[in-house]
Amino acid sequence: MRYFKTFIGALIVLVALTLLLISRHTSHPQAAHVVTVHQPMHRPAPPAALPTPAQTPAAPAAPMNALVGEAVDRARAEQSDLRSRQHDLDAEIADSTALISAQKARIAALQKELQQRSGSQP
């Protein structure tokens, strides 16, 4: 159970980090391409021409979203599998506990019978 909690914690951290990186990437898609040129004080800076849609590089948000979606789907499937395994193990533990208690009762009955037999013999 301890490893399961650790796995879930690590999964949450991984998803949060991925979402943080995606939000930073999509909120500033052209920030990596910006070049700052310092102009002298006596000349005004020329107006920057806006790039046309044909010149603007396509943001790779769709592939990133697909990758994140796949990772989330894989994590959910793995989490479902782990829950199923935990349920199976809990059922095995319950069965083993019932079997152990039945064996203890049988041993106690056999010990009582043995004591009765040894007490009745001279």
Protein backbone atom coordinates (compact mmCIF):
# COMPACT_ATOMS: atom_id res chain seq x y z
CA MET A 1 0.00 0.00 0.00
CA ARG A 2 2.92 2.31 0.75
CA TYR A 3 4.31 1.85 -2.75
CA PHE A 4 0.89 2.50 -4.24
CA LYS A 5 0.65 5.82 -2.40
CA THR A 6 4.17 6.72 -3.52
CA PHE A 7 3.28 5.86 -7.11
CA ILE A 8 0.11 7.98 -7.00
CA GLY A 9 2.07 10.90 -5.49
CA ALA A 10 4.73 10.67 -8.17
CA LEU A 11 2.06 10.45 -10.85
CA ILE A 12 0.36 13.60 -9.55
CA VAL A 13 3.69 15.45 -9.51
CA LEU A 14 4.45 14.29 -13.05
CA VAL A 15 1.06 15.39 -14.37
CA ALA A 16 1.33 18.76 -12.59
CA LEU A 17 4.82 19.34 -14.00
CA THR A 18 3.66 18.38 -17.49
CA LEU A 19 0.69 20.73 -17.31
CA LEU A 20 2.93 23.53 -16.03
CA LEU A 21 5.37 23.07 -18.90
CA ILE A 22 2.56 22.94 -21.43
CA SER A 23 0.94 26.08 -20.06
CA ARG A 24 4.28 27.92 -20.19
CA HIS A 25 4.91 26.71 -23.72
CA THR A 26 1.46 27.65 -25.04
CA SER A 27 1.23 31.00 -23.20
CA HIS A 28 4.46 32.28 -24.80
CA PRO A 29 4.76 30.48 -28.14
CA GLN A 30 6.93 33.20 -29.71
CA ALA A 31 8.90 34.16 -26.59
CA ALA A 32 11.82 31.99 -27.65
CA HIS A 33 12.00 33.74 -31.02
CA VAL A 34 11.98 37.34 -29.75
CA VAL A 35 15.21 39.26 -30.26
CA THR A 36 15.68 42.54 -28.40
CA VAL A 37 17.63 45.22 -30.24
CA HIS A 38 18.70 48.26 -28.27
CA GLN A 39 18.33 51.45 -30.28
CA PRO A 40 20.19 54.66 -29.52
CA MET A 41 18.19 57.21 -27.51
CA HIS A 42 18.08 59.87 -30.25
CA ARG A 43 16.44 57.64 -32.89
CA PRO A 44 12.96 56.29 -32.42
CA ALA A 45 12.61 52.58 -32.93
CA PRO A 46 11.01 51.60 -36.24
CA PRO A 47 7.61 49.97 -35.90
CA ALA A 48 7.86 46.21 -35.91
CA ALA A 49 6.09 44.53 -38.78
CA LEU A 50 3.67 41.89 -37.69
CA PRO A 51 4.31 38.54 -39.35
CA THR A 52 1.68 37.31 -41.72
CA PRO A 53 -0.03 34.00 -40.94
CA ALA A 54 2.10 32.31 -43.60
CA GLN A 55 5.28 33.52 -41.82
CA THR A 56 4.15 32.55 -38.31
CA PRO A 57 5.47 29.15 -37.30
CA ALA A 58 2.78 26.68 -36.32
CA ALA A 59 2.69 26.05 -32.58
CA PRO A 60 3.18 22.37 -31.75
CA ALA A 61 0.33 22.40 -29.22
CA ALA A 62 -1.68 19.65 -30.90
CA PRO A 63 1.08 17.01 -30.72
CA MET A 64 1.86 18.00 -27.14
CA ASN A 65 -1.81 17.71 -26.16
CA ALA A 66 -1.97 14.30 -27.83
CA LEU A 67 1.12 13.13 -25.94
CA VAL A 68 -0.25 14.39 -22.66
CA GLY A 69 -3.59 12.74 -23.40
CA GLU A 70 -1.83 9.44 -24.11
CA ALA A 71 0.18 9.73 -20.89
CA VAL A 72 -2.96 10.46 -18.90
CA ASP A 73 -4.76 7.52 -20.53
CA ARG A 74 -1.83 5.22 -19.76
CA ALA A 75 -1.72 6.46 -16.16
CA ARG A 76 -5.46 5.91 -15.74
CA ALA A 77 -5.22 2.41 -17.20
CA GLU A 78 -2.32 1.59 -14.91
CA GLN A 79 -4.19 3.02 -11.94
CA SER A 80 -7.23 0.91 -12.82
CA ASP A 81 -5.01 -2.17 -13.11
CA LEU A 82 -3.41 -1.44 -9.73
CA ARG A 83 -6.82 -1.00 -8.11
CA SER A 84 -7.92 -4.32 -9.60
CA ARG A 85 -4.81 -6.02 -8.25
CA GLN A 86 -5.38 -4.44 -4.83
CA HIS A 87 -8.96 -5.69 -4.83
CA ASP A 88 -7.75 -9.20 -5.74
CA LEU A 89 -5.13 -9.12 -2.98
CA ASP A 90 -7.70 -7.91 -0.44
CA ALA A 91 -9.96 -10.82 -1.43
CA GLU A 92 -7.05 -13.26 -1.06
CA ILE A 93 -6.25 -11.83 2.37
CA ALA A 94 -9.88 -12.24 3.45
CA ASP A 95 -9.91 -15.84 2.19
CA SER A 96 -6.62 -16.61 3.93
CA THR A 97 -7.87 -15.08 7.19
CA ALA A 98 -11.03 -17.20 7.05
CA LEU A 99 -8.97 -20.32 6.29
CA ILE A 100 -6.57 -19.61 9.16
CA SER A 101 -9.40 -19.10 11.64
CA ALA A 102 -11.05 -22.36 10.47
CA GLN A 103 -7.73 -24.21 10.89
CA LYS A 104 -7.28 -22.72 14.38
CA ALA A 105 -10.75 -23.93 15.35
CA ARG A 106 -10.01 -27.40 13.96
CA ILE A 107 -6.68 -27.56 15.84
CA ALA A 108 -8.41 -26.49 19.06
CA ALA A 109 -11.06 -29.20 18.59
CA LEU A 110 -8.39 -31.84 17.91
CA GLN A 111 -6.41 -30.78 20.99
CA LYS A 112 -9.56 -31.00 23.12
CA GLU A 113 -10.31 -34.46 21.72
CA LEU A 114 -6.72 -35.54 22.41
CA GLN A 115 -6.94 -34.32 26.00
CA GLN A 116 -10.22 -36.21 26.49
CA ARG A 117 -8.71 -39.41 25.08
CA SER A 118 -5.54 -39.14 27.14
CA GLY A 119 -7.57 -38.35 30.28
CA SER A 120 -9.86 -41.36 29.86
CA GLN A 121 -6.97 -43.82 29.38
CA PRO A 122 -5.27 -45.12 32.57
